[in-house]
Amino acid sequence: MRDVRVRFAPSPTGGLHIGGIRTALYNYLLARQNNGTMILRIEDTDQGRFVPGAEEYIIESLAWAGIKIDEGQGVGGPYSPYRQSERKEIYKKYAQQLLDGGFAYYAFDTEQDLEAMRDRLKAAGVDNQQYGITSRMQMSNSLTLSKAEVDHLLNVGAPYVIRFKVPENQQIKVIDLIRGEVVVESSQIDDKVLMKSDGMPTYHLANVVDDYLMKISHVIRGEEWLPSAPLHVSLYKSFGWHNEMPQFAHLPLLLKPDGNGKLSKRDADKMGFPIFSLNWTDPKTGEVSKGFKESGYLPEALINFLAFLGWNPGTPQEIFSMEELIDVFSIERIGKAGTKFDIHKTQWYNQQYLRAKSEEELSLLLMRSLDAEQISCSKEKAIKICAIMKERVTFPHDFWELGKFFFHAPVSFDESVVSKKWNTDAVNVLSTFSKEVETLDEVTADLVKSTLESVTASLGIGTGKILQALRLSITGNASGPDLMMTMEIIGNKEVCSRINYALATLKPSA
């Protein structure tokens, strides 16, 4: 059986789109499941789109997501270099092999020639206005020029590209692990450029040559590459590598939340959610795009969510660790249809993973926020706060954002509660309750609860009637975590101070 060797091969043209992380994840799961090898290859043959810092960003993004690279850029391995711009001489050799075998040809056409060709085909009513089977014999290339003319043009340094010669009258079959057999007539494929005028290969030549040389067993990539797959199959055959061709799997598109079209950065920006794994700063404009990490998403939650964008285990289970995903993943359970990107589901996953953490682990997340705010807090207090807040938070920073009242007394109060609940009964109970709490040596949730019930009983006022007023005086809010535990955490002196401030500040409603 062939060793499983997969590659994630992004282009360093900017921030790594979340769809790229999903592609890397599926490759990684297949590799780990089969004790295979996960390779990172940087496809930077389009130098005009190269963005400084993008390669480093890709490596950092994969590391944060927990996708470990076994071989490739940043790691090394037996097939280095893994950056395509450093493999130019390798591609030239294989381009020459195609030329020598009659599977490729030199093309010397100018931009004006190409425009005239398209106009000519359009005027003739030809639907497929491409450089290929129907047009190549009317163009300036080594198929129409004599050997002497071609040699002269090459000797004088005339600009040229090398194009693939698509075979005529053939049905090209692509076996896709997700979509089954895809059959394309060769007349529908154009003679793609394999080597550009700057001497750099195009994606088509470079990725086929590299996949062969690096012994790639499976090519798992986005659906946008499906139209190119027949060309790639033809290249494998032309090289005589048909028996060593990898298996293909083209992943479904990630769609906008409403399902109407492919998800883009612009869509994500408009709807207010990240589309990159980490913060990305555009080196040209300085524009900062916020990442999932900096927005408070846990990598394991994002990975779990991404795994389900196009794949499902066939069971009701939704929460999977990376190890569990490795065990149950299968390409056969990836769907063909595009899948909606539901940011609310991502948030749900984040909540589940936060709740599954121990209070001690969560306390470390809270302590980071407190350090940033220059607030000191004991570990014991942080653990108690996280214990009563964990069911209410979506992101790690929510422990601070929703729990500021643990550290700062309120200076303003929810007016809706004031108007409805801050009445004479509430004032009488809280005045007496504050005096009772002040005499306590310590405050525990149970003790403060029994004290409150004793006070309300003595005054003949139902405890439930004044609870919102009490919460208002302690936190300034209408709702929040367990009130008795909240008072235990902030301590009796602070409880009394806050109640007394509210009593002095707020006027009871009629």
Protein backbone atom coordinates (compact mmCIF):
# COMPACT_ATOMS: atom_id res chain seq x y z
CA MET A 1 0.00 0.00 0.00
CA ARG A 2 1.24 3.48 -0.90
CA ASP A 3 2.46 5.67 1.96
CA VAL A 4 0.08 8.53 2.69
CA ARG A 5 1.82 11.81 1.96
CA VAL A 6 -0.29 14.97 1.76
CA ARG A 7 0.61 18.57 1.22
CA PHE A 8 -0.84 21.93 2.13
CA ALA A 9 0.42 24.30 -0.54
CA PRO A 10 -0.71 27.91 0.04
CA SER A 11 0.47 30.97 -1.84
CA PRO A 12 2.04 33.76 0.26
CA THR A 13 -0.28 36.44 -1.07
CA GLY A 14 -1.77 37.70 2.20
CA GLY A 15 -3.51 36.47 5.32
CA LEU A 16 -4.46 32.80 5.42
CA HIS A 17 -8.22 32.59 4.80
CA ILE A 18 -10.09 30.31 7.19
CA GLY A 19 -10.93 28.09 4.21
CA GLY A 20 -7.20 27.44 3.89
CA ILE A 21 -7.07 26.28 7.50
CA ARG A 22 -9.91 23.85 6.75
CA THR A 23 -8.01 22.49 3.73
CA ALA A 24 -4.89 22.06 5.87
CA LEU A 25 -6.98 20.37 8.58
CA TYR A 26 -8.48 17.75 6.27
CA ASN A 27 -5.02 16.97 4.89
CA TYR A 28 -3.66 16.70 8.42
CA LEU A 29 -6.45 14.40 9.62
CA LEU A 30 -5.91 12.01 6.71
CA ALA A 31 -2.15 11.97 7.28
CA ARG A 32 -2.40 11.32 11.01
CA GLN A 33 -5.07 8.67 10.57
CA ASN A 34 -2.77 6.72 8.26
CA ASN A 35 0.54 7.38 10.04
CA GLY A 36 1.41 9.49 7.04
CA THR A 37 3.31 12.71 6.42
CA MET A 38 1.97 16.27 6.42
CA ILE A 39 3.97 18.57 4.14
CA LEU A 40 3.96 22.36 3.87
CA ARG A 41 4.93 23.69 0.45
CA ILE A 42 4.95 27.38 -0.41
CA GLU A 43 3.65 28.01 -3.93
CA ASP A 44 5.13 31.42 -4.71
CA THR A 45 5.59 31.18 -8.47
CA ASP A 46 3.39 34.26 -9.02
CA GLN A 47 5.96 36.77 -7.82
CA GLY A 48 3.69 39.70 -8.70
CA ARG A 49 1.29 38.70 -5.91
CA PHE A 50 3.95 37.90 -3.29
CA VAL A 51 3.34 39.69 0.03
CA PRO A 52 6.20 40.04 2.56
CA GLY A 53 5.48 38.31 5.86
CA ALA A 54 2.74 36.08 4.46
CA GLU A 55 4.84 32.91 4.57
CA GLU A 56 5.74 33.40 8.22
CA TYR A 57 2.10 34.17 8.95
CA ILE A 58 1.00 30.88 7.34
CA ILE A 59 3.45 28.89 9.46
CA GLU A 60 2.35 30.67 12.65
CA SER A 61 -1.34 30.17 11.81
CA LEU A 62 -0.96 26.42 11.35
CA ALA A 63 1.00 26.12 14.60
CA TRP A 64 -1.69 28.02 16.54
CA ALA A 65 -4.41 25.77 15.10
CA GLY A 66 -2.54 22.66 16.23
CA ILE A 67 -1.79 21.45 12.69
CA LYS A 68 1.72 20.05 12.95
CA ILE A 69 3.96 20.00 9.89
CA ASP A 70 6.19 16.94 9.49
CA GLU A 71 8.11 18.06 6.43
CA GLY A 72 8.42 21.17 4.31
CA GLN A 73 9.02 24.87 4.60
CA GLY A 74 10.29 25.78 8.05
CA VAL A 75 10.96 22.12 8.88
CA GLY A 76 13.04 20.73 6.03
CA GLY A 77 13.02 17.27 4.57
CA PRO A 78 14.34 15.02 1.81
CA TYR A 79 12.73 16.95 -1.07
CA SER A 80 13.87 20.48 -0.26
CA PRO A 81 13.63 23.24 -1.18
CA TYR A 82 9.92 23.49 -0.38
CA ARG A 83 9.54 27.03 -1.67
CA GLN A 84 8.70 26.86 -5.37
CA SER A 85 10.57 30.01 -6.31
CA GLU A 86 13.75 28.14 -5.35
CA ARG A 87 12.95 25.19 -7.64
CA LYS A 88 13.04 26.99 -11.02
CA GLU A 89 15.76 24.80 -12.51
CA ILE A 90 13.78 21.68 -11.67
CA TYR A 91 10.73 22.96 -13.56
CA LYS A 92 12.79 23.97 -16.59
CA LYS A 93 14.04 20.41 -16.88
CA TYR A 94 10.51 18.99 -16.90
CA ALA A 95 9.21 21.69 -19.25
CA GLN A 96 11.98 20.68 -21.64
CA GLN A 97 10.93 17.04 -21.28
CA LEU A 98 7.42 17.98 -22.43
CA LEU A 99 8.81 20.00 -25.34
CA ASP A 100 11.02 17.14 -26.44
CA GLY A 101 8.11 14.70 -26.26
CA GLY A 102 5.79 16.89 -28.32
CA PHE A 103 3.47 17.55 -25.37
CA ALA A 104 4.28 21.27 -25.15
CA TYR A 105 5.35 24.06 -27.46
CA TYR A 106 6.87 27.53 -27.54
CA ALA A 107 4.42 30.40 -28.08
CA PHE A 108 5.70 33.83 -29.15
CA ASP A 109 2.36 35.62 -29.38
CA THR A 110 2.08 39.23 -28.22
CA GLU A 111 -0.82 40.64 -26.22
CA GLN A 112 -2.11 42.14 -29.47
CA ASP A 113 -1.97 38.69 -31.11
CA LEU A 114 -3.98 37.17 -28.27
CA GLU A 115 -6.59 39.93 -28.40
CA ALA A 116 -6.93 39.54 -32.17
CA MET A 117 -7.39 35.77 -31.70
CA ARG A 118 -10.23 36.29 -29.24
CA ASP A 119 -11.92 38.81 -31.53
CA ARG A 120 -11.59 36.43 -34.48
CA LEU A 121 -13.12 33.50 -32.57
CA LYS A 122 -15.89 35.67 -31.22
CA ALA A 123 -16.76 36.94 -34.69
CA ALA A 124 -16.84 33.34 -35.93
CA GLY A 125 -19.37 32.44 -33.24
CA VAL A 126 -16.99 30.16 -31.35
CA ASP A 127 -18.09 29.83 -27.71
CA ASN A 128 -14.69 28.78 -26.41
CA GLN A 129 -12.48 31.77 -27.21
CA GLN A 130 -9.31 30.24 -25.82
CA TYR A 131 -5.82 29.49 -27.02
CA GLY A 132 -6.13 25.80 -27.74
CA ILE A 133 -7.11 23.10 -30.20
CA THR A 134 -9.28 25.37 -32.39
CA SER A 135 -6.90 28.36 -32.50
CA ARG A 136 -3.30 27.29 -31.97
CA MET A 137 -2.56 26.61 -35.62
CA GLN A 138 -3.33 30.25 -36.48
CA MET A 139 -0.93 31.63 -33.85
CA SER A 140 2.78 32.37 -33.64
CA ASN A 141 4.23 29.26 -32.02
CA SER A 142 6.57 26.35 -32.62
CA LEU A 143 3.67 24.36 -34.13
CA THR A 144 3.22 26.87 -36.96
CA LEU A 145 6.74 28.24 -37.36
CA SER A 146 9.65 26.39 -38.91
CA LYS A 147 12.45 25.06 -36.71
CA ALA A 148 14.77 27.71 -38.12
CA GLU A 149 12.31 30.47 -37.22
CA VAL A 150 11.86 29.10 -33.72
CA ASP A 151 15.61 28.77 -33.18
CA HIS A 152 16.13 32.33 -34.40
CA LEU A 153 13.49 33.73 -32.05
CA LEU A 154 15.00 31.84 -29.12
CA ASN A 155 18.54 32.96 -30.01
CA VAL A 156 17.62 36.64 -30.21
CA GLY A 157 15.82 36.46 -26.89
CA ALA A 158 12.28 36.99 -28.17
CA PRO A 159 9.72 36.78 -25.34
CA TYR A 160 7.89 33.45 -25.18
CA VAL A 161 5.88 31.15 -22.99
CA ILE A 162 5.69 27.37 -23.02
CA ARG A 163 2.16 26.04 -23.47
CA PHE A 164 0.79 22.55 -22.92
CA LYS A 165 -0.47 20.88 -26.09
CA VAL A 166 -3.87 19.50 -25.16
CA PRO A 167 -4.51 16.20 -26.98
CA GLU A 168 -7.31 16.26 -29.55
CA ASN A 169 -10.50 14.18 -29.49
CA GLN A 170 -10.01 12.74 -26.04
CA GLN A 171 -12.20 12.25 -23.02
CA ILE A 172 -10.22 13.10 -19.91
CA LYS A 173 -11.40 11.38 -16.75
CA VAL A 174 -10.77 12.67 -13.25
CA ILE A 175 -11.60 10.36 -10.36
CA ASP A 176 -12.51 12.56 -7.42
CA LEU A 177 -12.90 10.99 -3.98
CA ILE A 178 -15.78 13.35 -3.21
CA ARG A 179 -17.52 13.78 -6.56
CA GLY A 180 -16.82 10.47 -8.27
CA GLU A 181 -15.87 10.36 -11.94
CA VAL A 182 -15.68 13.69 -13.77
CA VAL A 183 -15.36 13.48 -17.58
CA VAL A 184 -14.26 16.43 -19.71
CA GLU A 185 -13.79 16.62 -23.48
CA SER A 186 -10.27 17.77 -24.36
CA SER A 187 -11.76 20.39 -26.69
CA GLN A 188 -13.01 22.20 -23.56
CA ILE A 189 -9.50 22.65 -22.20
CA ASP A 190 -7.21 25.42 -23.38
CA ASP A 191 -3.46 25.13 -23.92
CA LYS A 192 -2.47 26.50 -20.54
CA VAL A 193 0.82 28.30 -20.06
CA LEU A 194 3.31 26.06 -18.20
CA MET A 195 6.31 28.41 -18.15
CA LYS A 196 5.85 32.17 -18.13
CA SER A 197 7.97 34.72 -19.97
CA ASP A 198 9.86 35.51 -16.75
CA GLY A 199 11.06 31.90 -16.55
CA MET A 200 8.79 31.02 -13.65
CA PRO A 201 6.44 28.05 -13.93
CA THR A 202 2.72 28.41 -13.53
CA TYR A 203 0.83 26.59 -10.80
CA HIS A 204 -0.14 23.85 -13.24
CA LEU A 205 3.38 22.69 -14.04
CA ALA A 206 4.93 23.36 -10.63
CA ASN A 207 2.32 21.58 -8.56
CA VAL A 208 2.22 18.49 -10.78
CA VAL A 209 6.01 18.19 -10.86
CA ASP A 210 6.32 18.78 -7.11
CA ASP A 211 3.52 16.38 -6.21
CA TYR A 212 5.22 13.69 -8.27
CA LEU A 213 8.74 14.33 -6.94
CA MET A 214 7.52 14.59 -3.34
CA LYS A 215 5.52 11.35 -3.71
CA ILE A 216 2.20 12.97 -2.78
CA SER A 217 -0.51 10.31 -2.42
CA HIS A 218 -3.57 12.56 -2.03
CA VAL A 219 -4.26 16.07 -3.33
CA ILE A 220 -6.95 17.60 -1.11
CA ARG A 221 -7.70 21.15 -2.20
CA GLY A 222 -10.54 23.60 -2.78
CA GLU A 223 -13.30 23.19 -5.33
CA GLU A 224 -11.94 26.13 -7.31
CA TRP A 225 -9.19 23.82 -8.61
CA LEU A 226 -11.59 21.20 -9.98
CA PRO A 227 -11.68 22.79 -13.50
CA SER A 228 -7.88 22.48 -13.61
CA ALA A 229 -7.86 18.80 -12.63
CA PRO A 230 -8.31 17.47 -16.23
CA LEU A 231 -5.24 19.44 -17.28
CA HIS A 232 -3.27 18.02 -14.38
CA VAL A 233 -4.36 14.48 -15.23
CA SER A 234 -3.22 15.13 -18.82
CA LEU A 235 0.15 16.34 -17.56
CA TYR A 236 0.63 13.18 -15.49
CA LYS A 237 -0.07 11.09 -18.58
CA SER A 238 2.25 13.17 -20.74
CA PHE A 239 5.09 12.70 -18.26
CA GLY A 240 4.39 8.97 -18.09
CA TRP A 241 3.47 9.23 -14.40
CA HIS A 242 -0.12 8.01 -14.71
CA ASN A 243 0.39 5.08 -12.35
CA GLU A 244 1.86 7.38 -9.70
CA MET A 245 -0.82 10.02 -9.93
CA PRO A 246 -2.23 11.08 -6.53
CA GLN A 247 -5.88 10.67 -5.63
CA PHE A 248 -7.85 13.90 -5.87
CA ALA A 249 -10.44 15.35 -3.49
CA HIS A 250 -11.90 18.80 -4.19
CA LEU A 251 -13.50 20.34 -1.11
CA PRO A 252 -16.85 22.17 -1.20
CA LEU A 253 -16.93 25.94 -1.05
CA LEU A 254 -17.39 27.91 2.15
CA LEU A 255 -20.49 30.03 1.61
CA LYS A 256 -21.76 33.24 3.17
CA PRO A 257 -23.97 32.73 6.25
CA ASP A 258 -27.09 33.08 4.08
CA GLY A 259 -25.73 30.53 1.61
CA ASN A 260 -25.75 33.08 -1.20
CA GLY A 261 -22.28 32.90 -2.75
CA LYS A 262 -18.71 32.23 -1.69
CA LEU A 263 -17.54 33.67 1.63
CA SER A 264 -15.08 36.54 1.21
CA LYS A 265 -13.11 38.85 3.47
CA ARG A 266 -15.42 41.69 2.50
CA ASP A 267 -18.46 39.67 3.61
CA ALA A 268 -16.83 38.81 6.93
CA ASP A 269 -15.84 42.45 7.54
CA LYS A 270 -19.36 43.61 6.73
CA MET A 271 -20.92 41.09 9.13
CA GLY A 272 -18.38 41.74 11.86
CA PHE A 273 -16.55 38.45 12.23
CA PRO A 274 -12.96 37.39 11.46
CA ILE A 275 -11.94 35.38 8.43
CA PHE A 276 -8.24 34.93 9.24
CA SER A 277 -6.89 32.71 12.01
CA LEU A 278 -4.59 35.43 13.41
CA ASN A 279 -4.47 39.20 13.12
CA TRP A 280 -3.22 40.15 9.67
CA THR A 281 -1.72 43.55 8.87
CA ASP A 282 -1.65 44.45 5.19
CA PRO A 283 1.94 45.64 4.58
CA LYS A 284 0.81 48.03 1.82
CA THR A 285 -2.18 49.71 3.43
CA GLY A 286 -1.50 49.06 7.11
CA GLU A 287 -5.08 47.79 7.43
CA VAL A 288 -5.43 45.31 10.32
CA SER A 289 -7.82 42.39 9.92
CA LYS A 290 -8.68 40.82 13.26
CA GLY A 291 -8.06 37.10 13.63
CA PHE A 292 -9.99 34.37 15.40
CA LYS A 293 -7.24 34.09 18.01
CA GLU A 294 -7.31 37.78 18.93
CA SER A 295 -11.12 37.75 18.89
CA GLY A 296 -11.07 35.19 21.70
CA TYR A 297 -11.65 31.92 19.89
CA LEU A 298 -9.89 28.84 21.20
CA PRO A 299 -7.97 26.91 18.52
CA GLU A 300 -9.58 23.60 19.48
CA ALA A 301 -13.07 25.14 19.15
CA LEU A 302 -12.27 26.60 15.73
CA ILE A 303 -10.82 23.29 14.54
CA ASN A 304 -13.93 21.41 15.70
CA PHE A 305 -16.14 23.90 13.88
CA LEU A 306 -14.08 23.80 10.67
CA ALA A 307 -14.11 20.00 10.61
CA PHE A 308 -17.91 20.12 10.31
CA LEU A 309 -17.86 22.62 7.42
CA GLY A 310 -18.44 20.06 4.71
CA TRP A 311 -17.86 16.85 6.69
CA ASN A 312 -19.92 15.02 9.28
CA PRO A 313 -19.26 11.86 11.32
CA GLY A 314 -22.67 10.32 10.65
CA THR A 315 -23.53 10.46 14.37
CA PRO A 316 -25.17 13.09 16.63
CA GLN A 317 -21.85 13.82 18.33
CA GLU A 318 -20.66 17.40 17.75
CA ILE A 319 -17.75 17.86 20.15
CA PHE A 320 -14.54 16.22 18.92
CA SER A 321 -10.97 16.67 20.08
CA MET A 322 -8.28 16.62 17.41
CA GLU A 323 -7.48 13.02 18.40
CA GLU A 324 -11.14 12.02 18.02
CA LEU A 325 -11.34 13.74 14.63
CA ILE A 326 -8.30 11.78 13.50
CA ASP A 327 -10.01 8.54 14.49
CA VAL A 328 -13.34 9.15 12.72
CA PHE A 329 -12.46 11.36 9.73
CA SER A 330 -13.07 10.03 6.25
CA ILE A 331 -12.97 11.78 2.87
CA GLU A 332 -16.03 9.76 1.82
CA ARG A 333 -18.18 11.68 4.33
CA ILE A 334 -17.28 15.08 2.85
CA GLY A 335 -20.25 16.50 0.95
CA LYS A 336 -20.28 17.98 -2.54
CA ALA A 337 -22.45 21.01 -1.82
CA GLY A 338 -21.11 24.28 -0.46
CA THR A 339 -21.55 24.80 3.26
CA LYS A 340 -22.72 27.93 5.11
CA PHE A 341 -20.29 29.64 7.46
CA ASP A 342 -22.33 30.14 10.63
CA ILE A 343 -20.38 32.35 13.04
CA HIS A 344 -22.97 31.68 15.77
CA LYS A 345 -22.09 28.00 15.63
CA THR A 346 -18.43 28.91 16.02
CA GLN A 347 -19.33 30.87 19.13
CA TRP A 348 -21.31 27.89 20.46
CA TYR A 349 -18.26 25.68 20.05
CA ASN A 350 -16.17 28.26 21.88
CA GLN A 351 -18.64 28.23 24.78
CA GLN A 352 -18.54 24.45 24.98
CA TYR A 353 -14.77 24.31 25.07
CA LEU A 354 -14.54 27.05 27.70
CA ARG A 355 -17.08 25.27 29.92
CA ALA A 356 -15.14 22.03 29.61
CA LYS A 357 -12.01 23.64 31.07
CA SER A 358 -11.28 23.50 34.78
CA GLU A 359 -11.73 26.61 36.89
CA GLU A 360 -7.98 26.67 37.40
CA GLU A 361 -7.35 26.73 33.65
CA LEU A 362 -9.95 29.45 33.20
CA SER A 363 -8.43 31.50 36.00
CA LEU A 364 -5.26 31.83 33.95
CA LEU A 365 -7.29 33.37 31.13
CA LEU A 366 -8.87 35.85 33.56
CA MET A 367 -5.49 36.68 35.10
CA ARG A 368 -4.15 37.68 31.65
CA SER A 369 -6.95 40.23 31.30
CA LEU A 370 -6.34 41.49 34.82
CA ASP A 371 -2.62 41.83 34.17
CA ALA A 372 -3.42 43.93 31.10
CA GLU A 373 -5.66 46.12 33.28
CA GLN A 374 -2.96 46.25 35.99
CA ILE A 375 -5.33 44.76 38.55
CA SER A 376 -3.97 42.43 41.21
CA CYS A 377 -6.01 39.39 42.17
CA SER A 378 -5.32 36.24 44.14
CA LYS A 379 -5.50 32.93 42.29
CA GLU A 380 -8.15 31.74 44.75
CA LYS A 381 -10.40 34.70 43.93
CA ALA A 382 -9.88 34.26 40.19
CA ILE A 383 -10.86 30.59 40.43
CA LYS A 384 -14.05 31.46 42.32
CA ILE A 385 -14.99 34.11 39.75
CA CYS A 386 -14.47 31.70 36.85
CA ALA A 387 -16.50 29.01 38.59
CA ILE A 388 -19.64 31.16 38.70
CA MET A 389 -19.03 32.91 35.35
CA LYS A 390 -18.13 29.99 33.10
CA GLU A 391 -21.71 29.25 32.04
CA ARG A 392 -22.20 32.88 31.00
CA VAL A 393 -19.17 33.54 28.80
CA THR A 394 -18.41 32.97 25.12
CA PHE A 395 -14.84 34.25 24.99
CA PRO A 396 -11.99 34.30 27.53
CA HIS A 397 -12.07 38.11 27.70
CA ASP A 398 -15.74 37.90 28.81
CA PHE A 399 -14.59 36.90 32.29
CA TRP A 400 -13.25 40.44 32.61
CA GLU A 401 -15.74 42.29 30.42
CA LEU A 402 -18.79 40.75 32.13
CA GLY A 403 -17.22 40.55 35.58
CA LYS A 404 -15.70 43.99 36.08
CA PHE A 405 -17.98 44.47 39.10
CA PHE A 406 -15.87 41.95 41.02
CA PHE A 407 -13.09 44.54 41.00
CA HIS A 408 -14.85 47.90 40.59
CA ALA A 409 -17.86 49.11 42.56
CA PRO A 410 -20.66 50.36 40.32
CA VAL A 411 -20.93 54.11 39.78
CA SER A 412 -24.07 53.88 37.66
CA PHE A 413 -27.15 51.70 37.96
CA ASP A 414 -29.59 50.07 35.54
CA GLU A 415 -32.42 52.61 35.39
CA SER A 416 -35.06 50.01 34.52
CA VAL A 417 -34.33 48.17 37.78
CA VAL A 418 -34.19 51.41 39.77
CA SER A 419 -37.64 52.47 38.57
CA LYS A 420 -39.25 49.08 39.21
CA LYS A 421 -37.43 47.55 42.19
CA TRP A 422 -35.73 50.34 44.17
CA ASN A 423 -38.60 51.05 46.53
CA THR A 424 -39.15 51.61 50.27
CA ASP A 425 -39.21 47.88 51.03
CA ALA A 426 -35.87 47.42 49.26
CA VAL A 427 -34.32 50.36 51.11
CA ASN A 428 -35.50 49.05 54.50
CA VAL A 429 -34.20 45.54 53.87
CA LEU A 430 -30.84 46.65 52.46
CA SER A 431 -30.25 49.14 55.28
CA THR A 432 -30.75 46.42 57.90
CA PHE A 433 -28.93 43.77 55.83
CA SER A 434 -25.86 46.00 55.47
CA LYS A 435 -25.62 46.47 59.23
CA GLU A 436 -25.92 42.72 59.80
CA VAL A 437 -23.25 41.87 57.21
CA GLU A 438 -20.88 44.40 58.76
CA THR A 439 -20.87 42.41 62.01
CA LEU A 440 -19.90 39.13 60.32
CA ASP A 441 -16.32 37.91 60.68
CA GLU A 442 -16.43 36.35 57.22
CA VAL A 443 -18.87 36.14 54.35
CA THR A 444 -19.79 32.86 52.75
CA ALA A 445 -22.58 32.34 50.24
CA ASP A 446 -24.56 30.26 52.71
CA LEU A 447 -24.09 32.68 55.59
CA VAL A 448 -24.99 35.77 53.58
CA LYS A 449 -28.08 33.99 52.26
CA SER A 450 -29.28 33.01 55.74
CA THR A 451 -28.59 36.54 56.97
CA LEU A 452 -30.66 38.04 54.17
CA GLU A 453 -33.53 35.62 54.79
CA SER A 454 -33.45 36.42 58.49
CA VAL A 455 -33.67 40.15 57.77
CA THR A 456 -36.53 39.85 55.29
CA ALA A 457 -38.43 37.55 57.64
CA SER A 458 -38.05 39.98 60.53
CA LEU A 459 -39.38 42.83 58.36
CA GLY A 460 -42.15 40.73 56.82
CA ILE A 461 -40.93 41.32 53.27
CA GLY A 462 -40.49 38.50 50.77
CA THR A 463 -36.83 37.89 49.91
CA GLY A 464 -37.64 37.51 46.20
CA LYS A 465 -39.04 41.03 46.08
CA ILE A 466 -35.74 42.70 46.91
CA LEU A 467 -33.19 40.42 45.22
CA GLN A 468 -32.94 42.54 42.08
CA ALA A 469 -32.47 45.68 44.17
CA LEU A 470 -29.71 43.93 46.13
CA ARG A 471 -28.01 42.81 42.90
CA LEU A 472 -28.33 46.35 41.57
CA SER A 473 -26.50 47.75 44.61
CA ILE A 474 -23.70 45.18 44.33
CA THR A 475 -23.15 45.07 40.54
CA GLY A 476 -25.15 47.93 39.02
CA ASN A 477 -26.83 45.41 36.72
CA ALA A 478 -30.17 43.64 36.45
CA SER A 479 -28.69 40.18 36.01
CA GLY A 480 -25.48 38.25 36.54
CA PRO A 481 -23.97 35.19 38.18
CA ASP A 482 -25.05 33.73 41.54
CA LEU A 483 -25.57 36.74 43.82
CA MET A 484 -24.73 35.08 47.13
CA MET A 485 -21.47 33.72 45.70
CA THR A 486 -20.73 37.13 44.22
CA MET A 487 -20.98 38.68 47.68
CA GLU A 488 -18.74 35.97 49.14
CA ILE A 489 -16.09 36.79 46.53
CA ILE A 490 -16.06 40.57 47.04
CA GLY A 491 -16.17 40.30 50.85
CA ASN A 492 -18.29 41.80 53.64
CA LYS A 493 -16.64 45.23 53.77
CA GLU A 494 -17.08 45.78 50.05
CA VAL A 495 -20.67 44.47 50.17
CA CYS A 496 -21.53 47.00 52.89
CA SER A 497 -19.73 49.82 51.10
CA ARG A 498 -21.61 49.18 47.85
CA ILE A 499 -25.02 48.87 49.51
CA ASN A 500 -24.45 52.06 51.49
CA TYR A 501 -23.38 53.94 48.35
CA ALA A 502 -26.53 52.83 46.54
CA LEU A 503 -28.69 53.80 49.53
CA ALA A 504 -27.10 57.25 49.55
CA THR A 505 -27.33 57.71 45.77
CA LEU A 506 -30.64 56.26 44.67
CA LYS A 507 -34.07 57.57 45.51
CA PRO A 508 -36.77 54.96 46.14
CA SER A 509 -39.61 54.87 43.62
CA ALA A 510 -43.12 55.58 44.81
